[in-house]
Amino acid sequence: MRPRHVGVSAAQPSDPGRPMNEFRMLLRAKRLAQHPPPLWKVKLVIGVIVLLLAIAGIERFVGWPDWMTLEPAGRPHIAR
């Protein structure tokens, strides 16, 4: 098992209990500014966000279709 270091340098983005180090965030922002993602990836992410917002808007203003609603099954009965 790997020893766990205590302090700010041990903060990992995957560790939900600790915030990400500000210096590490600045380094990631610098790398993103120097090497931006390809245009197709940006369009893909924006397209997914627009699609999800459209689905949420339709659900909010039009309603949820009845065929997608699950009926409550109740408690399962155990045969004795």
PDB file of N, CA and C in Angstrom:
ATOM      1  N   MET A   1       0.840  -1.163   0.000  1.00  0.00           N
ATOM      2  CA  MET A   1       0.000   0.000   0.000  1.00  0.00           C
ATOM      3  C   MET A   1       0.893   1.236   0.000  1.00  0.00           C
ATOM      4  N   ARG A   2       0.493   2.226  -0.766  1.00  0.00           N
ATOM      5  CA  ARG A   2       1.249   3.450  -0.915  1.00  0.00           C
ATOM      6  C   ARG A   2       1.005   4.374   0.277  1.00  0.00           C
ATOM      7  N   PRO A   3       2.062   4.990   0.848  1.00  0.00           N
ATOM      8  CA  PRO A   3       1.826   5.897   1.977  1.00  0.00           C
ATOM      9  C   PRO A   3       1.116   7.157   1.504  1.00  0.00           C
ATOM     10  N   ARG A   4       0.216   7.615   2.327  1.00  0.00           N
ATOM     11  CA  ARG A   4      -0.558   8.808   1.980  1.00  0.00           C
ATOM     12  C   ARG A   4       0.098  10.027   2.603  1.00  0.00           C
ATOM     13  N   HIS A   5       0.428  10.987   1.763  1.00  0.00           N
ATOM     14  CA  HIS A   5       1.076  12.203   2.233  1.00  0.00           C
ATOM     15  C   HIS A   5       0.019  13.171   2.728  1.00  0.00           C
ATOM     16  N   VAL A   6       0.373  13.901   3.736  1.00  0.00           N
ATOM     17  CA  VAL A   6      -0.538  14.893   4.299  1.00  0.00           C
ATOM     18  C   VAL A   6      -0.067  16.256   3.832  1.00  0.00           C
ATOM     19  N   GLY A   7      -1.020  17.091   3.405  1.00  0.00           N
ATOM     20  CA  GLY A   7      -0.671  18.441   2.987  1.00  0.00           C
ATOM     21  C   GLY A   7      -1.359  18.803   1.690  1.00  0.00           C
ATOM     22  N   VAL A   8      -1.067  19.995   1.231  1.00  0.00           N
ATOM     23  CA  VAL A   8      -1.719  20.511   0.032  1.00  0.00           C
ATOM     24  C   VAL A   8      -1.250  19.766  -1.206  1.00  0.00           C
ATOM     25  N   SER A   9       0.000  19.296  -1.210  1.00  0.00           N
ATOM     26  CA  SER A   9       0.523  18.645  -2.404  1.00  0.00           C
ATOM     27  C   SER A   9      -0.140  17.300  -2.673  1.00  0.00           C
ATOM     28  N   ALA A  10      -0.831  16.730  -1.674  1.00  0.00           N
ATOM     29  CA  ALA A  10      -1.464  15.431  -1.860  1.00  0.00           C
ATOM     30  C   ALA A  10      -2.868  15.536  -2.436  1.00  0.00           C
ATOM     31  N   ALA A  11      -3.373  16.748  -2.647  1.00  0.00           N
ATOM     32  CA  ALA A  11      -4.731  16.916  -3.160  1.00  0.00           C
ATOM     33  C   ALA A  11      -4.815  16.439  -4.606  1.00  0.00           C
ATOM     34  N   GLN A  12      -5.721  15.527  -4.865  1.00  0.00           N
ATOM     35  CA  GLN A  12      -5.925  14.980  -6.198  1.00  0.00           C
ATOM     36  C   GLN A  12      -7.326  15.355  -6.659  1.00  0.00           C
ATOM     37  N   PRO A  13      -7.531  15.552  -7.964  1.00  0.00           N
ATOM     38  CA  PRO A  13      -8.878  15.861  -8.437  1.00  0.00           C
ATOM     39  C   PRO A  13      -9.854  14.725  -8.200  1.00  0.00           C
ATOM     40  N   SER A  14      -9.356  13.488  -8.088  1.00  0.00           N
ATOM     41  CA  SER A  14     -10.250  12.363  -7.871  1.00  0.00           C
ATOM     42  C   SER A  14     -10.595  12.181  -6.397  1.00  0.00           C
ATOM     43  N   ASP A  15      -9.941  12.914  -5.509  1.00  0.00           N
ATOM     44  CA  ASP A  15     -10.194  12.821  -4.077  1.00  0.00           C
ATOM     45  C   ASP A  15     -11.323  13.783  -3.731  1.00  0.00           C
ATOM     46  N   PRO A  16     -12.543  13.293  -3.492  1.00  0.00           N
ATOM     47  CA  PRO A  16     -13.676  14.194  -3.321  1.00  0.00           C
ATOM     48  C   PRO A  16     -13.636  15.003  -2.037  1.00  0.00           C
ATOM     49  N   GLY A  17     -12.848  14.598  -1.045  1.00  0.00           N
ATOM     50  CA  GLY A  17     -12.831  15.299   0.214  1.00  0.00           C
ATOM     51  C   GLY A  17     -11.912  16.498   0.234  1.00  0.00           C
ATOM     52  N   ARG A  18     -11.073  16.661  -0.766  1.00  0.00           N
ATOM     53  CA  ARG A  18     -10.104  17.746  -0.764  1.00  0.00           C
ATOM     54  C   ARG A  18     -10.261  18.590  -2.012  1.00  0.00           C
ATOM     55  N   PRO A  19     -10.134  19.912  -1.864  1.00  0.00           N
ATOM     56  CA  PRO A  19     -10.201  20.768  -3.057  1.00  0.00           C
ATOM     57  C   PRO A  19      -8.923  20.649  -3.876  1.00  0.00           C
ATOM     58  N   MET A  20      -9.044  20.948  -5.154  1.00  0.00           N
ATOM     59  CA  MET A  20      -7.887  20.877  -6.034  1.00  0.00           C
ATOM     60  C   MET A  20      -6.961  22.062  -5.733  1.00  0.00           C
ATOM     61  N   ASN A  21      -5.697  21.825  -5.785  1.00  0.00           N
ATOM     62  CA  ASN A  21      -4.703  22.846  -5.523  1.00  0.00           C
ATOM     63  C   ASN A  21      -4.840  23.966  -6.558  1.00  0.00           C
ATOM     64  N   GLU A  22      -4.805  25.222  -6.086  1.00  0.00           N
ATOM     65  CA  GLU A  22      -4.980  26.355  -6.994  1.00  0.00           C
ATOM     66  C   GLU A  22      -3.859  26.438  -8.018  1.00  0.00           C
ATOM     67  N   PHE A  23      -2.636  26.124  -7.594  1.00  0.00           N
ATOM     68  CA  PHE A  23      -1.510  26.160  -8.523  1.00  0.00           C
ATOM     69  C   PHE A  23      -1.690  25.131  -9.629  1.00  0.00           C
ATOM     70  N   ARG A  24      -2.179  23.948  -9.271  1.00  0.00           N
ATOM     71  CA  ARG A  24      -2.422  22.907 -10.273  1.00  0.00           C
ATOM     72  C   ARG A  24      -3.505  23.348 -11.254  1.00  0.00           C
ATOM     73  N   MET A  25      -4.526  24.035 -10.744  1.00  0.00           N
ATOM     74  CA  MET A  25      -5.576  24.535 -11.630  1.00  0.00           C
ATOM     75  C   MET A  25      -5.017  25.566 -12.600  1.00  0.00           C
ATOM     76  N   LEU A  26      -4.129  26.439 -12.122  1.00  0.00           N
ATOM     77  CA  LEU A  26      -3.514  27.423 -13.011  1.00  0.00           C
ATOM     78  C   LEU A  26      -2.648  26.748 -14.076  1.00  0.00           C
ATOM     79  N   LEU A  27      -1.940  25.699 -13.698  1.00  0.00           N
ATOM     80  CA  LEU A  27      -1.131  24.979 -14.686  1.00  0.00           C
ATOM     81  C   LEU A  27      -2.006  24.317 -15.744  1.00  0.00           C
ATOM     82  N   ARG A  28      -3.144  23.761 -15.312  1.00  0.00           N
ATOM     83  CA  ARG A  28      -4.057  23.140 -16.287  1.00  0.00           C
ATOM     84  C   ARG A  28      -4.654  24.189 -17.215  1.00  0.00           C
ATOM     85  N   ALA A  29      -4.994  25.367 -16.667  1.00  0.00           N
ATOM     86  CA  ALA A  29      -5.540  26.445 -17.498  1.00  0.00           C
ATOM     87  C   ALA A  29      -4.498  26.935 -18.500  1.00  0.00           C
ATOM     88  N   LYS A  30      -3.233  27.025 -18.058  1.00  0.00           N
ATOM     89  CA  LYS A  30      -2.161  27.438 -18.961  1.00  0.00           C
ATOM     90  C   LYS A  30      -1.993  26.439 -20.106  1.00  0.00           C
ATOM     91  N   ARG A  31      -2.012  25.139 -19.744  1.00  0.00           N
ATOM     92  CA  ARG A  31      -1.872  24.103 -20.771  1.00  0.00           C
ATOM     93  C   ARG A  31      -3.044  24.148 -21.754  1.00  0.00           C
ATOM     94  N   LEU A  32      -4.251  24.385 -21.228  1.00  0.00           N
ATOM     95  CA  LEU A  32      -5.418  24.463 -22.098  1.00  0.00           C
ATOM     96  C   LEU A  32      -5.341  25.674 -23.024  1.00  0.00           C
ATOM     97  N   ALA A  33      -4.809  26.804 -22.505  1.00  0.00           N
ATOM     98  CA  ALA A  33      -4.682  28.005 -23.331  1.00  0.00           C
ATOM     99  C   ALA A  33      -3.608  27.828 -24.407  1.00  0.00           C
ATOM    100  N   GLN A  34      -2.527  27.125 -24.078  1.00  0.00           N
ATOM    101  CA  GLN A  34      -1.449  26.934 -25.053  1.00  0.00           C
ATOM    102  C   GLN A  34      -1.773  25.862 -26.079  1.00  0.00           C
ATOM    103  N   HIS A  35      -2.529  24.847 -25.665  1.00  0.00           N
ATOM    104  CA  HIS A  35      -2.888  23.746 -26.557  1.00  0.00           C
ATOM    105  C   HIS A  35      -4.398  23.537 -26.482  1.00  0.00           C
ATOM    106  N   PRO A  36      -5.170  24.382 -27.166  1.00  0.00           N
ATOM    107  CA  PRO A  36      -6.630  24.243 -27.091  1.00  0.00           C
ATOM    108  C   PRO A  36      -7.107  22.955 -27.766  1.00  0.00           C
ATOM    109  N   PRO A  37      -8.274  22.460 -27.350  1.00  0.00           N
ATOM    110  CA  PRO A  37      -8.798  21.242 -27.968  1.00  0.00           C
ATOM    111  C   PRO A  37      -9.194  21.503 -29.415  1.00  0.00           C
ATOM    112  N   PRO A  38      -9.269  20.448 -30.229  1.00  0.00           N
ATOM    113  CA  PRO A  38      -9.683  20.623 -31.620  1.00  0.00           C
ATOM    114  C   PRO A  38     -11.120  21.156 -31.699  1.00  0.00           C
ATOM    115  N   LEU A  39     -11.412  21.809 -32.802  1.00  0.00           N
ATOM    116  CA  LEU A  39     -12.718  22.430 -32.983  1.00  0.00           C
ATOM    117  C   LEU A  39     -13.841  21.395 -32.957  1.00  0.00           C
ATOM    118  N   TRP A  40     -13.607  20.190 -33.447  1.00  0.00           N
ATOM    119  CA  TRP A  40     -14.664  19.186 -33.469  1.00  0.00           C
ATOM    120  C   TRP A  40     -15.027  18.750 -32.055  1.00  0.00           C
ATOM    121  N   LYS A  41     -14.057  18.752 -31.128  1.00  0.00           N
ATOM    122  CA  LYS A  41     -14.376  18.400 -29.741  1.00  0.00           C
ATOM    123  C   LYS A  41     -15.198  19.495 -29.078  1.00  0.00           C
ATOM    124  N   VAL A  42     -14.855  20.737 -29.356  1.00  0.00           N
ATOM    125  CA  VAL A  42     -15.623  21.858 -28.807  1.00  0.00           C
ATOM    126  C   VAL A  42     -17.051  21.816 -29.330  1.00  0.00           C
ATOM    127  N   LYS A  43     -17.209  21.572 -30.649  1.00  0.00           N
ATOM    128  CA  LYS A  43     -18.548  21.480 -31.231  1.00  0.00           C
ATOM    129  C   LYS A  43     -19.324  20.304 -30.658  1.00  0.00           C
ATOM    130  N   LEU A  44     -18.644  19.189 -30.408  1.00  0.00           N
ATOM    131  CA  LEU A  44     -19.303  18.021 -29.826  1.00  0.00           C
ATOM    132  C   LEU A  44     -19.832  18.327 -28.429  1.00  0.00           C
ATOM    133  N   VAL A  45     -19.011  18.943 -27.601  1.00  0.00           N
ATOM    134  CA  VAL A  45     -19.432  19.266 -26.230  1.00  0.00           C
ATOM    135  C   VAL A  45     -20.578  20.269 -26.248  1.00  0.00           C
ATOM    136  N   ILE A  46     -20.479  21.284 -27.082  1.00  0.00           N
ATOM    137  CA  ILE A  46     -21.559  22.273 -27.175  1.00  0.00           C
ATOM    138  C   ILE A  46     -22.827  21.616 -27.712  1.00  0.00           C
ATOM    139  N   GLY A  47     -22.699  20.713 -28.681  1.00  0.00           N
ATOM    140  CA  GLY A  47     -23.863  20.012 -29.217  1.00  0.00           C
ATOM    141  C   GLY A  47     -24.551  19.148 -28.169  1.00  0.00           C
ATOM    142  N   VAL A  48     -23.778  18.458 -27.353  1.00  0.00           N
ATOM    143  CA  VAL A  48     -24.357  17.623 -26.294  1.00  0.00           C
ATOM    144  C   VAL A  48     -25.076  18.496 -25.268  1.00  0.00           C
ATOM    145  N   ILE A  49     -24.468  19.627 -24.907  1.00  0.00           N
ATOM    146  CA  ILE A  49     -25.106  20.530 -23.948  1.00  0.00           C
ATOM    147  C   ILE A  49     -26.409  21.079 -24.517  1.00  0.00           C
ATOM    148  N   VAL A  50     -26.413  21.482 -25.787  1.00  0.00           N
ATOM    149  CA  VAL A  50     -27.635  22.001 -26.414  1.00  0.00           C
ATOM    150  C   VAL A  50     -28.708  20.918 -26.476  1.00  0.00           C
ATOM    151  N   LEU A  51     -28.322  19.685 -26.811  1.00  0.00           N
ATOM    152  CA  LEU A  51     -29.278  18.585 -26.873  1.00  0.00           C
ATOM    153  C   LEU A  51     -29.905  18.325 -25.501  1.00  0.00           C
ATOM    154  N   LEU A  52     -29.084  18.310 -24.451  1.00  0.00           N
ATOM    155  CA  LEU A  52     -29.606  18.074 -23.112  1.00  0.00           C
ATOM    156  C   LEU A  52     -30.515  19.216 -22.652  1.00  0.00           C
ATOM    157  N   LEU A  53     -30.146  20.451 -22.975  1.00  0.00           N
ATOM    158  CA  LEU A  53     -31.015  21.572 -22.617  1.00  0.00           C
ATOM    159  C   LEU A  53     -32.330  21.524 -23.384  1.00  0.00           C
ATOM    160  N   ALA A  54     -32.293  21.076 -24.645  1.00  0.00           N
ATOM    161  CA  ALA A  54     -33.522  20.947 -25.425  1.00  0.00           C
ATOM    162  C   ALA A  54     -34.431  19.870 -24.833  1.00  0.00           C
ATOM    163  N   ILE A  55     -33.855  18.749 -24.451  1.00  0.00           N
ATOM    164  CA  ILE A  55     -34.653  17.678 -23.831  1.00  0.00           C
ATOM    165  C   ILE A  55     -35.245  18.152 -22.517  1.00  0.00           C
ATOM    166  N   ALA A  56     -34.455  18.860 -21.698  1.00  0.00           N
ATOM    167  CA  ALA A  56     -34.962  19.377 -20.421  1.00  0.00           C
ATOM    168  C   ALA A  56     -36.058  20.411 -20.645  1.00  0.00           C
ATOM    169  N   GLY A  57     -35.910  21.249 -21.675  1.00  0.00           N
ATOM    170  CA  GLY A  57     -36.935  22.247 -21.973  1.00  0.00           C
ATOM    171  C   GLY A  57     -38.233  21.622 -22.453  1.00  0.00           C
ATOM    172  N   ILE A  58     -38.123  20.606 -23.300  1.00  0.00           N
ATOM    173  CA  ILE A  58     -39.320  19.911 -23.775  1.00  0.00           C
ATOM    174  C   ILE A  58     -40.031  19.237 -22.609  1.00  0.00           C
ATOM    175  N   GLU A  59     -39.254  18.589 -21.737  1.00  0.00           N
ATOM    176  CA  GLU A  59     -39.851  17.925 -20.578  1.00  0.00           C
ATOM    177  C   GLU A  59     -40.518  18.942 -19.654  1.00  0.00           C
ATOM    178  N   ARG A  60     -39.897  20.090 -19.497  1.00  0.00           N
ATOM    179  CA  ARG A  60     -40.427  21.110 -18.576  1.00  0.00           C
ATOM    180  C   ARG A  60     -41.704  21.749 -19.110  1.00  0.00           C
ATOM    181  N   PHE A  61     -41.731  22.104 -20.395  1.00  0.00           N
ATOM    182  CA  PHE A  61     -42.860  22.871 -20.933  1.00  0.00           C
ATOM    183  C   PHE A  61     -43.926  22.006 -21.594  1.00  0.00           C
ATOM    184  N   VAL A  62     -43.555  20.861 -22.156  1.00  0.00           N
ATOM    185  CA  VAL A  62     -44.531  19.991 -22.818  1.00  0.00           C
ATOM    186  C   VAL A  62     -45.005  18.905 -21.863  1.00  0.00           C
ATOM    187  N   GLY A  63     -44.083  18.342 -21.124  1.00  0.00           N
ATOM    188  CA  GLY A  63     -44.443  17.297 -20.171  1.00  0.00           C
ATOM    189  C   GLY A  63     -43.747  15.992 -20.481  1.00  0.00           C
ATOM    190  N   TRP A  64     -43.842  15.081 -19.560  1.00  0.00           N
ATOM    191  CA  TRP A  64     -43.241  13.769 -19.690  1.00  0.00           C
ATOM    192  C   TRP A  64     -44.230  12.845 -20.374  1.00  0.00           C
ATOM    193  N   PRO A  65     -43.824  12.109 -21.414  1.00  0.00           N
ATOM    194  CA  PRO A  65     -44.776  11.223 -22.095  1.00  0.00           C
ATOM    195  C   PRO A  65     -45.226  10.076 -21.193  1.00  0.00           C
ATOM    196  N   ASP A  66     -46.482   9.689 -21.337  1.00  0.00           N
ATOM    197  CA  ASP A  66     -47.036   8.630 -20.502  1.00  0.00           C
ATOM    198  C   ASP A  66     -46.350   7.289 -20.739  1.00  0.00           C
ATOM    199  N   TRP A  67     -45.914   7.031 -21.966  1.00  0.00           N
ATOM    200  CA  TRP A  67     -45.312   5.741 -22.257  1.00  0.00           C
ATOM    201  C   TRP A  67     -43.940   5.596 -21.603  1.00  0.00           C
ATOM    202  N   MET A  68     -43.357   6.693 -21.109  1.00  0.00           N
ATOM    203  CA  MET A  68     -42.071   6.606 -20.430  1.00  0.00           C
ATOM    204  C   MET A  68     -42.212   6.580 -18.906  1.00  0.00           C
ATOM    205  N   THR A  69     -43.433   6.644 -18.408  1.00  0.00           N
ATOM    206  CA  THR A  69     -43.666   6.640 -16.974  1.00  0.00           C
ATOM    207  C   THR A  69     -43.804   5.213 -16.479  1.00  0.00           C
ATOM    208  N   LEU A  70     -43.084   4.896 -15.428  1.00  0.00           N
ATOM    209  CA  LEU A  70     -43.157   3.566 -14.848  1.00  0.00           C
ATOM    210  C   LEU A  70     -44.278   3.514 -13.818  1.00  0.00           C
ATOM    211  N   GLU A  71     -44.989   2.427 -13.829  1.00  0.00           N
ATOM    212  CA  GLU A  71     -46.030   2.214 -12.822  1.00  0.00           C
ATOM    213  C   GLU A  71     -45.377   1.628 -11.578  1.00  0.00           C
ATOM    214  N   PRO A  72     -45.764   2.098 -10.401  1.00  0.00           N
ATOM    215  CA  PRO A  72     -45.173   1.513  -9.196  1.00  0.00           C
ATOM    216  C   PRO A  72     -45.574   0.047  -9.053  1.00  0.00           C
ATOM    217  N   ALA A  73     -44.620  -0.798  -8.811  1.00  0.00           N
ATOM    218  CA  ALA A  73     -44.862  -2.235  -8.757  1.00  0.00           C
ATOM    219  C   ALA A  73     -45.350  -2.673  -7.389  1.00  0.00           C
ATOM    220  N   GLY A  74     -45.154  -1.864  -6.368  1.00  0.00           N
ATOM    221  CA  GLY A  74     -45.562  -2.259  -5.028  1.00  0.00           C
ATOM    222  C   GLY A  74     -44.510  -3.133  -4.388  1.00  0.00           C
ATOM    223  N   ARG A  75     -44.869  -3.724  -3.268  1.00  0.00           N
ATOM    224  CA  ARG A  75     -43.926  -4.583  -2.561  1.00  0.00           C
ATOM    225  C   ARG A  75     -43.933  -5.975  -3.168  1.00  0.00           C
ATOM    226  N   PRO A  76     -42.770  -6.572  -3.304  1.00  0.00           N
ATOM    227  CA  PRO A  76     -42.741  -7.943  -3.829  1.00  0.00           C
ATOM    228  C   PRO A  76     -43.312  -8.922  -2.792  1.00  0.00           C
ATOM    229  N   HIS A  77     -44.097  -9.858  -3.291  1.00  0.00           N
ATOM    230  CA  HIS A  77     -44.688 -10.859  -2.402  1.00  0.00           C
ATOM    231  C   HIS A  77     -43.836 -12.121  -2.437  1.00  0.00           C
ATOM    232  N   ILE A  78     -43.570 -12.650  -1.269  1.00  0.00           N
ATOM    233  CA  ILE A  78     -42.777 -13.867  -1.148  1.00  0.00           C
ATOM    234  C   ILE A  78     -43.716 -15.039  -0.977  1.00  0.00           C
ATOM    235  N   ALA A  79     -43.620 -16.027  -1.860  1.00  0.00           N
ATOM    236  CA  ALA A  79     -44.482 -17.194  -1.783  1.00  0.00           C
ATOM    237  C   ALA A  79     -44.022 -18.081  -0.621  1.00  0.00           C
ATOM    238  N   ARG A  80     -44.984 -18.528   0.179  1.00  0.00           N
ATOM    239  CA  ARG A  80     -44.624 -19.364   1.341  1.00  0.00           C
ATOM    240  C   ARG A  80     -45.074 -20.766   1.132  1.00  0.00           C
TER     241      ARG A  80
END
